[in-house]
């Protein structure tokens, strides 16, 4: 009897940990974020429902308009609509991004620690893919054309690249978190503040420390707006 009880507790703990690991589920119709509140919680506290209006669920984002990709060293511009731009998203577990790609531009290898992403190509062609975790590190990649859809599982390194030299591309992505986060691999590894020891990176990448020092001296751009 005791062993059955402890097994049940262990299973409930496992299920609870899976639930807590994702965005909190809403317990009411909405919980508009009070982004100015000094109360610290996992996410945002709710705005007084009596003070909520339609504008809390609206943003004139102009996502139909092209973004500037010429200033980006990687040739892309990510326009993210998350809970910080749209307070009505709080507790709803979803956000949105428009990604513009210059000819031969890319959204470089990155991860979203808190979200799965589903991407739809609106214009142009994209070569996209993701890599599985250790030890397989298997690449799943595909060339997408207008109207095609691809999914990037939560937490896995993924990328998009416009292989066409004379035409831009545009995509819309939905993400399963109000605040998915983004970790661009090159920026995190070579552009951290303070820098990671070049001894560590030289050993990890099996290169000379001079190569690491050169990489760390580059300007690692954030293409997310």
Protein backbone atom coordinates (compact mmCIF):
# COMPACT_ATOMS: atom_id res chain seq x y z
CA UNK A 1 0.00 0.00 0.00
CA UNK A 2 2.78 2.40 0.97
CA UNK A 3 4.68 1.67 -2.25
CA UNK A 4 1.55 2.41 -4.31
CA UNK A 5 1.11 5.71 -2.49
CA UNK A 6 4.69 6.80 -3.17
CA UNK A 7 4.36 5.76 -6.83
CA UNK A 8 1.23 7.90 -7.15
CA UNK A 9 3.00 10.88 -5.54
CA UNK A 10 5.96 10.46 -7.90
CA UNK A 11 3.68 10.36 -10.96
CA UNK A 12 1.78 13.44 -9.79
CA UNK A 13 5.08 15.24 -9.26
CA UNK A 14 6.20 14.37 -12.78
CA UNK A 15 2.93 15.59 -14.29
CA UNK A 16 3.06 18.77 -12.22
CA UNK A 17 6.61 19.50 -13.35
CA UNK A 18 5.54 19.23 -16.98
CA UNK A 19 2.65 21.63 -16.40
CA UNK A 20 4.77 24.18 -14.52
CA UNK A 21 7.41 24.07 -17.29
CA UNK A 22 5.03 25.77 -19.75
CA UNK A 23 3.11 29.05 -19.68
CA UNK A 24 0.48 29.21 -16.90
CA UNK A 25 -3.03 28.35 -18.05
CA UNK A 26 -5.66 31.08 -17.68
CA UNK A 27 -8.12 30.61 -14.82
CA UNK A 28 -10.42 33.36 -16.10
CA UNK A 29 -11.42 34.80 -19.46
CA UNK A 30 -8.33 37.00 -19.58
CA UNK A 31 -5.54 38.39 -17.44
CA UNK A 32 -4.30 41.53 -19.16
CA UNK A 33 -0.73 42.20 -18.06
CA UNK A 34 -0.14 45.11 -15.71
CA UNK A 35 3.38 45.77 -16.96
CA UNK A 36 3.83 48.70 -14.61
CA UNK A 37 3.13 46.73 -11.44
CA UNK A 38 6.00 46.39 -8.96
CA UNK A 39 4.77 42.92 -7.94
CA UNK A 40 7.11 40.21 -9.24
CA UNK A 41 5.50 36.97 -10.45
CA UNK A 42 6.20 34.38 -13.15
CA UNK A 43 4.79 36.48 -15.97
CA UNK A 44 2.73 39.55 -15.08
CA UNK A 45 0.01 40.28 -12.55
CA UNK A 46 -3.46 40.97 -13.87
CA UNK A 47 -4.72 44.43 -14.58
CA UNK A 48 -7.97 45.30 -12.82
CA UNK A 49 -10.66 43.76 -15.09
CA UNK A 50 -12.81 46.88 -14.67
CA UNK A 51 -9.99 48.94 -16.21
CA UNK A 52 -9.52 46.63 -19.22
CA UNK A 53 -10.65 47.84 -22.64
CA UNK A 54 -10.35 46.71 -26.26
CA UNK A 55 -7.02 48.49 -26.71
CA UNK A 56 -5.42 46.02 -24.29
CA UNK A 57 -5.99 43.34 -26.95
CA UNK A 58 -5.00 45.49 -29.93
CA UNK A 59 -1.77 46.79 -31.47
CA UNK A 60 -1.45 48.75 -34.73
CA UNK A 61 1.63 46.68 -35.61
CA UNK A 62 1.61 47.32 -39.38
CA UNK A 63 2.80 43.77 -40.00
CA UNK A 64 1.73 44.17 -43.63
CA UNK A 65 4.62 46.58 -44.21
CA UNK A 66 8.18 45.46 -45.13
CA UNK A 67 10.90 45.94 -42.52
CA UNK A 68 14.39 47.28 -43.15
CA UNK A 69 16.93 44.47 -43.57
CA UNK A 70 19.74 46.53 -45.07
CA UNK A 71 21.19 47.61 -41.71
CA UNK A 72 21.39 44.03 -40.45
CA UNK A 73 24.71 42.20 -40.77
CA UNK A 74 22.82 38.90 -41.04
CA UNK A 75 20.24 40.29 -43.47
CA UNK A 76 17.06 39.84 -41.46
CA UNK A 77 14.66 41.75 -39.26
CA UNK A 78 12.43 40.03 -36.67
CA UNK A 79 9.39 41.99 -35.48
CA UNK A 80 8.09 40.23 -32.36
CA UNK A 81 4.64 40.78 -30.88
CA UNK A 82 4.74 39.36 -27.36
CA UNK A 83 3.19 40.28 -24.02
CA UNK A 84 5.46 43.32 -23.72
CA UNK A 85 3.87 44.84 -26.85
CA UNK A 86 0.37 43.39 -26.39
CA UNK A 87 -0.63 43.05 -22.70
CA UNK A 88 -3.75 41.05 -23.55
CA UNK A 89 -1.50 38.06 -24.39
CA UNK A 90 -0.72 37.52 -20.70
CA UNK A 91 -1.40 33.86 -19.65
CA UNK A 92 -2.65 32.96 -23.15
CA UNK A 93 0.53 31.15 -24.18
CA UNK A 94 0.98 32.59 -27.65
CA UNK A 95 2.93 35.27 -29.52
CA UNK A 96 3.67 36.25 -33.11
CA UNK A 97 6.57 37.43 -35.23
CA UNK A 98 7.07 38.78 -38.74
CA UNK A 99 10.49 37.96 -40.19
CA UNK A 100 11.89 39.83 -43.19
CA UNK A 101 14.89 38.37 -45.04
CA UNK A 102 17.12 40.24 -47.46
CA UNK A 103 18.41 38.32 -50.51
CA UNK A 104 20.85 35.77 -49.04
CA UNK A 105 19.80 36.95 -45.57
CA UNK A 106 19.25 34.66 -42.63
CA UNK A 107 17.76 34.38 -39.18
CA UNK A 108 20.88 32.73 -37.72
CA UNK A 109 20.90 29.59 -35.56
CA UNK A 110 19.00 30.27 -32.35
CA UNK A 111 16.65 28.69 -29.83
CA UNK A 112 13.43 29.66 -28.09
CA UNK A 113 13.76 28.31 -24.54
CA UNK A 114 10.05 28.65 -23.78
CA UNK A 115 8.25 28.00 -27.07
CA UNK A 116 7.60 25.80 -30.07
CA UNK A 117 7.47 27.78 -33.31
CA UNK A 118 5.37 27.26 -36.42
CA UNK A 119 6.50 29.29 -39.44
CA UNK A 120 4.62 30.13 -42.63
CA UNK A 121 6.33 31.58 -45.73
CA UNK A 122 4.38 34.54 -47.11
CA UNK A 123 6.76 35.52 -49.90
CA UNK A 124 9.89 34.02 -51.42
CA UNK A 125 11.87 30.90 -50.60
CA UNK A 126 13.53 29.79 -47.36
CA UNK A 127 15.92 27.00 -46.45
CA UNK A 128 15.04 26.11 -42.84
CA UNK A 129 15.99 23.47 -40.34
CA UNK A 130 16.53 22.40 -36.76
CA UNK A 131 19.05 20.15 -35.00
CA UNK A 132 18.11 17.57 -32.37
CA UNK A 133 19.76 17.37 -28.95
CA UNK A 134 22.84 15.33 -28.03
CA UNK A 135 23.96 12.79 -28.92
CA UNK A 136 22.33 12.46 -32.34
CA UNK A 137 22.52 16.14 -33.39
CA UNK A 138 20.45 15.20 -36.42
CA UNK A 139 19.57 17.95 -38.88
CA UNK A 140 15.99 18.15 -40.18
CA UNK A 141 15.95 20.67 -43.05
CA UNK A 142 13.66 21.65 -45.89
CA UNK A 143 13.34 24.24 -48.65
CA UNK A 144 10.07 26.13 -48.22
CA UNK A 145 8.16 28.15 -50.78
CA UNK A 146 5.25 30.56 -50.49
CA UNK A 147 2.45 29.02 -48.43
CA UNK A 148 4.58 26.26 -46.90
CA UNK A 149 4.65 25.62 -43.15
CA UNK A 150 7.40 24.22 -40.89
CA UNK A 151 7.58 23.51 -37.14
CA UNK A 152 10.57 24.05 -34.86
CA UNK A 153 10.25 22.10 -31.57
CA UNK A 154 10.73 23.99 -28.32
CA UNK A 155 14.31 24.58 -27.24
CA UNK A 156 16.00 23.13 -30.34
CA UNK A 157 18.52 25.11 -32.38
CA UNK A 158 16.97 26.23 -35.67
CA UNK A 159 17.52 28.68 -38.51
CA UNK A 160 16.07 30.20 -41.68
CA UNK A 161 18.02 31.27 -44.76
CA UNK A 162 16.92 32.99 -47.97
CA UNK A 163 18.95 31.23 -50.71
CA UNK A 164 17.78 33.56 -53.48
CA UNK A 165 20.35 36.22 -54.41
CA UNK A 166 17.96 38.77 -55.92
CA UNK A 167 14.63 38.41 -54.06
CA UNK A 168 13.65 39.05 -50.44
CA UNK A 169 11.49 36.69 -48.38
CA UNK A 170 8.88 37.17 -45.66
CA UNK A 171 7.51 34.78 -43.06
CA UNK A 172 5.10 34.86 -40.15
CA UNK A 173 5.79 32.72 -37.06
CA UNK A 174 3.50 31.80 -34.18
CA UNK A 175 5.12 30.78 -30.89
CA UNK A 176 3.59 28.87 -27.99
CA UNK A 177 4.50 31.35 -25.26
CA UNK A 178 3.58 34.91 -24.41
CA UNK A 179 7.33 35.48 -23.98
CA UNK A 180 9.23 32.81 -25.96
CA UNK A 181 12.71 34.25 -25.50
CA UNK A 182 15.49 33.93 -28.07
CA UNK A 183 19.09 32.79 -27.68
CA UNK A 184 21.16 33.44 -30.81
CA UNK A 185 23.97 30.90 -30.60
CA UNK A 186 26.83 33.00 -31.97
CA UNK A 187 25.84 36.01 -29.87
CA UNK A 188 25.57 33.98 -26.68
CA UNK A 189 28.85 32.10 -27.17
CA UNK A 190 31.09 34.82 -28.62
CA UNK A 191 29.29 37.99 -27.57
CA UNK A 192 28.50 37.30 -23.90
CA UNK A 193 29.06 40.02 -21.31
CA UNK A 194 31.52 39.47 -19.73
CA UNK A 195 33.22 37.25 -22.33
CA UNK A 196 33.56 33.51 -21.82
CA UNK A 197 37.21 32.58 -21.27
CA UNK A 198 38.99 31.99 -24.58
CA UNK A 199 40.58 28.91 -22.96
CA UNK A 200 37.10 27.43 -22.57
CA UNK A 201 35.97 28.26 -26.11
CA UNK A 202 39.24 27.22 -27.76
CA UNK A 203 38.93 23.80 -26.13
CA UNK A 204 35.21 23.51 -26.89
CA UNK A 205 35.57 24.39 -30.58
CA UNK A 206 39.02 22.84 -31.03
CA UNK A 207 40.54 26.03 -32.46
CA UNK A 208 43.38 28.34 -31.54
CA UNK A 209 42.73 30.98 -28.89
CA UNK A 210 43.56 33.66 -31.47
CA UNK A 211 40.56 32.53 -33.51
CA UNK A 212 38.31 32.81 -30.46
CA UNK A 213 39.70 36.24 -29.64
CA UNK A 214 38.97 37.41 -33.20
CA UNK A 215 35.40 36.10 -33.01
CA UNK A 216 34.82 37.74 -29.64
CA UNK A 217 36.03 41.05 -31.05
CA UNK A 218 33.27 41.09 -33.68
CA UNK A 219 30.02 43.02 -33.25
CA UNK A 220 27.31 40.45 -32.55
CA UNK A 221 24.07 41.96 -33.70
CA UNK A 222 20.58 41.36 -32.31
CA UNK A 223 18.16 41.18 -35.25
CA UNK A 224 15.08 41.00 -32.98
CA UNK A 225 13.00 44.18 -32.57
